[in-house]
Structures are given as structure tokens and as C-alpha cells.
N, C-alpha and C. Protein backbone atom coordinates (compact mmCIF):
# COMPACT_ATOMS: atom_id res chain seq x y z
N MET A 1 219.54 236.82 93.53
CA MET A 1 219.34 236.44 92.15
C MET A 1 220.26 237.26 91.31
N CYS A 2 220.90 236.60 90.44
CA CYS A 2 221.98 237.34 89.49
C CYS A 2 221.53 237.18 88.12
N LEU A 3 221.43 238.26 87.39
CA LEU A 3 221.16 238.22 85.98
C LEU A 3 222.43 238.37 85.21
N VAL A 4 222.48 237.52 84.17
CA VAL A 4 223.78 237.49 83.32
C VAL A 4 223.29 237.70 81.90
N PHE A 5 223.92 238.72 81.24
CA PHE A 5 223.55 238.91 79.88
C PHE A 5 224.58 238.10 79.01
N VAL A 6 224.10 237.14 78.19
CA VAL A 6 224.95 236.30 77.43
C VAL A 6 225.04 236.70 75.99
N CYS A 7 224.23 237.65 75.46
CA CYS A 7 224.22 238.09 74.20
C CYS A 7 224.63 239.65 74.17
N ASP A 8 225.46 240.03 73.19
CA ASP A 8 225.93 241.42 73.12
C ASP A 8 226.00 241.67 71.66
N GLN A 9 225.70 243.02 71.27
CA GLN A 9 225.86 243.46 69.91
C GLN A 9 226.77 244.65 69.94
N ASP A 10 227.70 244.68 69.05
CA ASP A 10 228.70 245.83 68.97
C ASP A 10 228.62 246.34 67.52
N GLU A 11 228.61 247.67 67.36
CA GLU A 11 228.71 248.32 66.09
C GLU A 11 229.90 249.12 66.08
N ARG A 12 230.61 249.09 64.85
CA ARG A 12 231.84 249.84 64.68
C ARG A 12 231.77 250.55 63.24
N VAL A 13 232.04 251.81 63.26
CA VAL A 13 232.17 252.47 61.93
C VAL A 13 233.48 252.19 61.26
N ILE A 14 233.40 251.68 60.02
CA ILE A 14 234.63 251.24 59.25
C ILE A 14 234.96 252.40 58.31
N ALA A 15 233.98 253.02 57.60
CA ALA A 15 234.36 254.10 56.63
C ALA A 15 233.19 255.12 56.70
N ARG A 16 233.63 256.28 56.28
CA ARG A 16 232.64 257.41 56.23
C ARG A 16 232.96 258.19 54.91
N GLN A 17 231.92 258.47 54.12
CA GLN A 17 232.16 259.25 52.86
C GLN A 17 230.85 260.08 52.56
N SER A 18 231.05 261.09 51.83
CA SER A 18 229.94 261.96 51.49
C SER A 18 229.13 261.30 50.35
N ALA A 19 227.71 261.48 50.50
CA ALA A 19 226.78 260.85 49.54
C ALA A 19 226.13 262.00 48.82
N PRO A 20 225.70 261.75 47.53
CA PRO A 20 225.00 262.73 46.79
C PRO A 20 223.61 263.08 47.39
N GLY A 21 223.21 264.32 47.16
CA GLY A 21 221.84 264.72 47.66
C GLY A 21 221.88 265.57 48.84
N ALA A 22 220.76 265.99 49.29
CA ALA A 22 220.65 266.79 50.51
C ALA A 22 219.60 266.21 51.44
N CYS A 23 219.75 266.61 52.72
CA CYS A 23 218.80 266.16 53.75
C CYS A 23 217.40 266.85 53.47
N PRO A 24 216.30 266.07 53.54
CA PRO A 24 215.00 266.54 53.25
C PRO A 24 214.47 267.47 54.45
N TYR A 25 215.11 267.35 55.57
CA TYR A 25 214.66 268.09 56.77
C TYR A 25 215.38 269.48 56.89
N CYS A 26 216.66 269.49 56.65
CA CYS A 26 217.43 270.79 56.93
C CYS A 26 218.22 271.22 55.64
N GLY A 27 218.29 270.31 54.64
CA GLY A 27 219.09 270.72 53.44
C GLY A 27 220.65 270.49 53.56
N GLY A 28 221.05 269.88 54.67
CA GLY A 28 222.53 269.67 54.88
C GLY A 28 222.98 268.46 53.96
N MET A 29 224.33 268.27 54.04
CA MET A 29 224.97 267.24 53.29
C MET A 29 224.66 265.90 53.97
N ILE A 30 224.70 264.80 53.06
CA ILE A 30 224.51 263.47 53.60
C ILE A 30 225.76 262.69 53.67
N GLN A 31 225.96 262.00 54.69
CA GLN A 31 227.15 261.06 54.87
C GLN A 31 226.73 259.71 54.86
N ALA A 32 227.43 258.83 54.16
CA ALA A 32 227.08 257.36 54.08
C ALA A 32 228.20 256.75 54.97
N MET A 33 227.85 255.89 55.92
CA MET A 33 228.78 255.31 56.83
C MET A 33 228.61 253.75 56.70
N ASP A 34 229.73 253.00 56.54
CA ASP A 34 229.83 251.60 56.54
C ASP A 34 230.00 251.15 57.97
N VAL A 35 228.98 250.34 58.44
CA VAL A 35 229.02 249.94 59.86
C VAL A 35 229.10 248.48 59.93
N GLU A 36 230.09 247.96 60.77
CA GLU A 36 230.20 246.54 60.84
C GLU A 36 229.54 246.18 62.21
N SER A 37 228.53 245.32 62.10
CA SER A 37 227.80 244.79 63.33
C SER A 37 228.27 243.45 63.73
N GLN A 38 228.44 243.26 64.97
CA GLN A 38 229.02 241.96 65.47
C GLN A 38 228.04 241.49 66.61
N LEU A 39 227.59 240.33 66.55
CA LEU A 39 226.78 239.74 67.51
C LEU A 39 227.53 238.67 68.27
N ARG A 40 227.54 238.80 69.57
CA ARG A 40 228.34 237.90 70.41
C ARG A 40 227.43 236.90 71.32
N PHE A 41 227.78 235.87 71.50
CA PHE A 41 227.01 234.92 72.43
C PHE A 41 228.10 234.32 73.43
N CYS A 42 227.96 234.59 74.68
CA CYS A 42 228.95 234.18 75.70
C CYS A 42 230.30 234.63 75.33
N PHE A 43 230.43 235.92 74.91
CA PHE A 43 231.64 236.59 74.53
C PHE A 43 232.34 235.97 73.36
N LEU A 44 231.78 235.11 72.55
CA LEU A 44 232.30 234.59 71.28
C LEU A 44 231.56 235.17 70.17
N PRO A 45 232.23 235.88 69.23
CA PRO A 45 231.57 236.40 68.06
C PRO A 45 231.11 235.29 67.10
N PHE A 46 229.82 235.39 66.72
CA PHE A 46 229.40 234.34 65.82
C PHE A 46 228.56 234.92 64.63
N TYR A 47 228.47 236.17 64.56
CA TYR A 47 227.71 236.88 63.42
C TYR A 47 228.24 238.11 63.12
N PHE A 48 228.64 238.35 61.86
CA PHE A 48 229.14 239.62 61.42
C PHE A 48 228.29 240.14 60.10
N LYS A 49 228.00 241.41 60.15
CA LYS A 49 227.25 241.94 59.02
C LYS A 49 227.75 243.40 58.85
N THR A 50 227.92 243.73 57.58
CA THR A 50 228.35 245.13 57.19
C THR A 50 227.14 245.76 56.55
N LYS A 51 226.75 246.94 57.13
CA LYS A 51 225.67 247.75 56.59
C LYS A 51 226.08 249.13 56.23
N ARG A 52 225.36 249.68 55.40
CA ARG A 52 225.57 251.18 54.99
C ARG A 52 224.38 251.93 55.52
N LYS A 53 224.80 252.88 56.39
CA LYS A 53 223.71 253.79 56.91
C LYS A 53 223.96 255.29 56.47
N PHE A 54 222.91 255.92 56.32
CA PHE A 54 223.00 257.42 55.81
C PHE A 54 222.56 258.28 56.94
N TYR A 55 223.35 259.36 57.17
CA TYR A 55 223.09 260.37 58.18
C TYR A 55 223.23 261.71 57.58
N CYS A 56 222.49 262.68 58.14
CA CYS A 56 222.77 264.14 57.82
C CYS A 56 223.87 264.63 58.66
N SER A 57 224.72 265.37 57.97
CA SER A 57 225.95 265.90 58.75
C SER A 57 225.57 267.20 59.54
N VAL A 58 224.43 267.83 59.26
CA VAL A 58 224.05 269.03 60.03
C VAL A 58 223.18 268.70 61.15
N CYS A 59 221.96 268.02 60.96
CA CYS A 59 221.09 267.74 62.04
C CYS A 59 221.24 266.43 62.67
N GLY A 60 222.01 265.48 62.05
CA GLY A 60 222.32 264.27 62.65
C GLY A 60 221.23 263.18 62.56
N ARG A 61 220.28 263.46 61.78
CA ARG A 61 219.12 262.43 61.58
C ARG A 61 219.60 261.23 60.69
N ARG A 62 219.03 260.08 61.12
CA ARG A 62 219.35 258.93 60.27
C ARG A 62 218.33 258.95 59.13
N LEU A 63 218.84 258.72 57.87
CA LEU A 63 218.06 258.83 56.69
C LEU A 63 217.80 257.36 56.19
N VAL A 64 216.57 257.05 55.69
CA VAL A 64 216.26 255.70 55.26
C VAL A 64 215.92 255.84 53.69
N LEU A 65 216.54 254.97 52.90
CA LEU A 65 216.24 255.01 51.48
C LEU A 65 214.99 254.26 51.28
N GLN A 66 214.15 254.85 50.39
CA GLN A 66 212.85 254.23 49.87
C GLN A 66 212.98 254.16 48.43
N TYR A 67 212.85 252.82 47.94
CA TYR A 67 213.02 252.66 46.43
C TYR A 67 211.66 252.87 45.72
């Protein structure tokens, strides 16, 4: 029996810049990263989405914005 994965998701960092504020866990600087997400079906890309993610530059934790 052979299993074939027909769906794949790839993320690539487009840009990285410093963001205002400090990490609530360690007090380090925050970096904002623009990440392009690409979803493929049978090796053909059919969905693109650009997201902004926030990370601490010292401890490496992913930070979530709460409005």
C-alpha cells in the first residue's frame, strides 16, 4: 500500500522589520514578519495568502495580537 500526499503548504518569509513594544515574557524587541503562505494541490499552487506574524527576537516566542 502506498500513501501519496497530494496537498502541501509552504511558508516563506518576505520581509522582516522591527515593531514597537516589548515582549511581555522577557522584555526583548519584537519583530514583525510578512509571511507568504502557499497551498498546493497535486504540485499546483492554487491559494496564496500573505500574513503578518510577530515574534520576540530574544526568546523566539510567537506573539498574538489581542484587540
